[in-house]
Amino acid sequence: MGALQRGLLATGLWKADAPVAASSPAAAPAVPTGSNGYPHNLPLTTLDGKSVNLRDLKGKVVFVNLWASWCPPCVAEMPGIQALYTKVDPRKVAFVMISLDENPAKAQAMLRRQNYTFPVYFPAGPLAPPFDSNSIPSTIILDPDGQVAARHDGMAEYDTPEFKAALEKLAH
């Protein structure tokens, strides 16, 4: 099933919409809940158990992806996300891959098998808007001020020149 979904992504029919600046009417407003003017207080735990918070990424474009190892569409889009991750400047664009696996060991085993190097986190509490979703995979792109620049629910191909260029444009 995953190979079939990966093949469907390769057709280019499921390309994600490029993120846009928050001043655009296409961007959804963020809900102010964080500190230092950053709207998102999202406590997370790293793979090695350290506590971090999404607001620590203020000043960067943030690619947030909600996924689980048991979700075939999530697994199908990961090679493209990994490829995009290796092509962007980590000083300007941060990846926050949030695993919704109840058993972190299953997520870690899948990541090791696939040799994925993007940063993976686990939620340290309930997910607040705009990160709460009724479906996975879900991807939310935040601009450097934490405003939602794009959201895509369902699988998509993110490793496209247009999507990379849009991330880089947001980062400037």
Protein backbone atom coordinates (compact mmCIF):
# COMPACT_ATOMS: atom_id res chain seq x y z
CA MET A 1 0.00 0.00 0.00
CA GLY A 2 2.79 2.43 0.92
CA ALA A 3 4.62 1.76 -2.36
CA LEU A 4 1.42 2.46 -4.29
CA GLN A 5 0.88 5.71 -2.40
CA ARG A 6 4.52 6.70 -2.95
CA GLY A 7 3.99 6.03 -6.67
CA LEU A 8 0.89 8.21 -6.68
CA LEU A 9 2.86 11.03 -5.05
CA ALA A 10 5.49 10.69 -7.78
CA THR A 11 2.88 11.55 -10.41
CA GLY A 12 2.87 15.14 -9.13
CA LEU A 13 -0.90 15.21 -8.64
CA TRP A 14 -0.61 15.65 -4.86
CA LYS A 15 1.74 18.61 -4.67
CA ALA A 16 1.35 20.74 -1.57
CA ASP A 17 0.32 24.37 -1.96
CA ALA A 18 3.27 26.71 -1.56
CA PRO A 19 3.30 28.67 1.69
CA VAL A 20 2.54 32.38 1.51
CA ALA A 21 3.39 35.33 3.74
CA ALA A 22 0.96 35.86 6.63
CA SER A 23 -0.17 39.20 5.21
CA SER A 24 -1.79 37.27 2.38
CA PRO A 25 -5.52 36.56 2.70
CA ALA A 26 -4.77 32.88 2.05
CA ALA A 27 -2.93 32.56 5.35
CA ALA A 28 -4.86 31.68 8.47
CA PRO A 29 -4.31 33.82 11.56
CA ALA A 30 -2.44 32.28 14.44
CA VAL A 31 -3.88 32.22 17.94
CA PRO A 32 -1.65 34.22 20.32
CA THR A 33 -0.71 31.91 23.20
CA GLY A 34 3.08 32.01 23.45
CA SER A 35 5.65 34.35 24.91
CA ASN A 36 7.99 36.89 23.26
CA GLY A 37 5.32 37.66 20.68
CA TYR A 38 5.49 34.14 19.24
CA PRO A 39 1.96 32.79 18.97
CA HIS A 40 2.59 29.09 19.60
CA ASN A 41 3.38 27.48 22.91
CA LEU A 42 3.80 23.85 21.91
CA PRO A 43 5.75 21.72 24.40
CA LEU A 44 7.48 18.78 22.75
CA THR A 45 9.84 15.97 23.71
CA THR A 46 12.82 14.97 21.56
CA LEU A 47 13.64 11.37 20.64
CA ASP A 48 16.13 11.32 23.52
CA GLY A 49 13.61 12.67 26.05
CA LYS A 50 14.61 16.34 26.23
CA SER A 51 11.90 18.99 26.61
CA VAL A 52 11.70 21.67 23.93
CA ASN A 53 9.09 24.19 22.80
CA LEU A 54 8.08 25.27 19.33
CA ARG A 55 8.37 28.92 20.36
CA ASP A 56 12.16 28.36 20.60
CA LEU A 57 12.14 28.41 16.78
CA LYS A 58 10.99 32.02 16.52
CA GLY A 59 12.72 33.67 13.59
CA LYS A 60 12.73 30.56 11.39
CA VAL A 61 10.24 29.20 8.92
CA VAL A 62 8.91 26.03 10.56
CA PHE A 63 7.72 22.95 8.67
CA VAL A 64 5.51 21.04 11.14
CA ASN A 65 4.30 17.58 10.11
CA LEU A 66 1.99 15.37 12.18
CA TRP A 67 2.46 11.70 11.40
CA ALA A 68 2.53 8.15 12.80
CA SER A 69 4.46 5.03 11.85
CA TRP A 70 1.20 3.07 11.43
CA CYS A 71 -0.19 5.62 8.90
CA PRO A 72 0.54 4.51 5.28
CA PRO A 73 0.02 8.01 3.75
CA CYS A 74 2.37 9.47 6.40
CA VAL A 75 5.04 6.92 5.56
CA ALA A 76 4.50 7.47 1.82
CA GLU A 77 5.25 11.21 2.00
CA MET A 78 8.31 10.91 4.25
CA PRO A 79 10.92 10.29 1.51
CA GLY A 80 9.93 13.61 -0.07
CA ILE A 81 10.06 15.39 3.29
CA GLN A 82 13.52 13.92 3.96
CA ALA A 83 14.71 15.05 0.52
CA LEU A 84 13.38 18.58 1.13
CA TYR A 85 14.97 18.64 4.59
CA THR A 86 18.40 18.00 3.08
CA LYS A 87 17.99 20.86 0.56
CA VAL A 88 17.01 23.79 2.80
CA ASP A 89 19.17 26.00 5.01
CA PRO A 90 18.68 24.78 8.62
CA ARG A 91 19.56 28.27 9.89
CA LYS A 92 16.42 29.58 8.17
CA VAL A 93 14.02 26.62 8.00
CA ALA A 94 13.31 24.20 10.87
CA PHE A 95 11.58 20.84 10.55
CA VAL A 96 9.38 19.63 13.39
CA MET A 97 8.17 16.12 12.65
CA ILE A 98 5.65 15.31 15.40
CA SER A 99 5.04 11.60 15.87
CA LEU A 100 1.60 10.69 17.18
CA ASP A 101 2.66 7.11 17.88
CA GLU A 102 1.55 5.97 21.32
CA ASN A 103 4.71 3.87 21.53
CA PRO A 104 7.75 6.07 20.73
CA ALA A 105 9.88 2.95 20.19
CA LYS A 106 7.83 2.05 17.09
CA ALA A 107 8.42 5.50 15.60
CA GLN A 108 12.13 5.32 16.41
CA ALA A 109 12.45 1.87 14.83
CA MET A 110 10.79 3.05 11.61
CA LEU A 111 13.02 6.15 11.47
CA ARG A 112 16.16 4.01 11.91
CA ARG A 113 15.06 1.53 9.22
CA GLN A 114 14.53 4.35 6.72
CA ASN A 115 17.63 6.37 7.76
CA TYR A 116 15.60 9.57 8.19
CA THR A 117 17.60 12.43 9.65
CA PHE A 118 14.94 15.12 10.14
CA PRO A 119 14.19 16.07 13.76
CA VAL A 120 11.37 14.08 15.35
CA TYR A 121 9.41 15.06 18.43
CA PHE A 122 6.53 13.75 20.49
CA PRO A 123 3.78 15.99 21.91
CA ALA A 124 4.20 16.70 25.63
CA GLY A 125 0.51 17.55 25.96
CA PRO A 126 -2.60 18.15 23.88
CA LEU A 127 -2.09 19.82 20.52
CA ALA A 128 -3.64 23.28 20.35
CA PRO A 129 -4.75 25.06 17.16
CA PRO A 130 -3.46 25.16 14.49
CA PHE A 131 -1.78 21.80 15.19
CA ASP A 132 -4.84 19.82 16.26
CA SER A 133 -6.14 17.82 13.33
CA ASN A 134 -8.70 15.13 12.69
CA SER A 135 -6.48 13.57 10.03
CA ILE A 136 -2.87 12.67 9.48
CA PRO A 137 -0.61 13.39 7.83
CA SER A 138 -1.09 17.10 8.38
CA THR A 139 1.48 19.75 7.60
CA ILE A 140 1.51 23.32 8.88
CA ILE A 141 4.06 25.87 7.66
CA LEU A 142 4.79 28.79 10.00
CA ASP A 143 6.50 31.99 8.92
CA PRO A 144 9.36 33.41 11.07
CA ASP A 145 6.81 35.24 13.27
CA GLY A 146 4.84 32.05 13.87
CA GLN A 147 1.93 32.91 11.58
CA VAL A 148 0.40 30.06 9.56
CA ALA A 149 1.58 30.40 5.97
CA ALA A 150 0.15 27.09 4.71
CA ARG A 151 -1.67 24.00 5.90
CA HIS A 152 -2.20 20.71 4.11
CA ASP A 153 -4.22 17.81 5.52
CA GLY A 154 -3.50 14.51 3.80
CA MET A 155 -0.44 13.24 1.98
CA ALA A 156 1.45 15.48 -0.39
CA GLU A 157 4.74 15.76 -2.22
CA TYR A 158 6.81 18.53 -0.64
CA ASP A 159 10.07 17.94 -2.50
CA THR A 160 9.31 20.25 -5.41
CA PRO A 161 11.28 23.26 -6.66
CA GLU A 162 8.20 25.47 -6.14
CA PHE A 163 7.69 24.43 -2.51
CA LYS A 164 11.39 24.82 -1.69
CA ALA A 165 11.45 28.26 -3.32
CA ALA A 166 8.37 29.32 -1.33
CA LEU A 167 9.99 28.22 1.94
CA GLU A 168 13.13 30.18 1.07
CA LYS A 169 11.09 33.25 0.15
CA LEU A 170 9.26 33.08 3.51
CA ALA A 171 12.61 32.84 5.29
CA HIS A 172 13.84 36.21 3.96
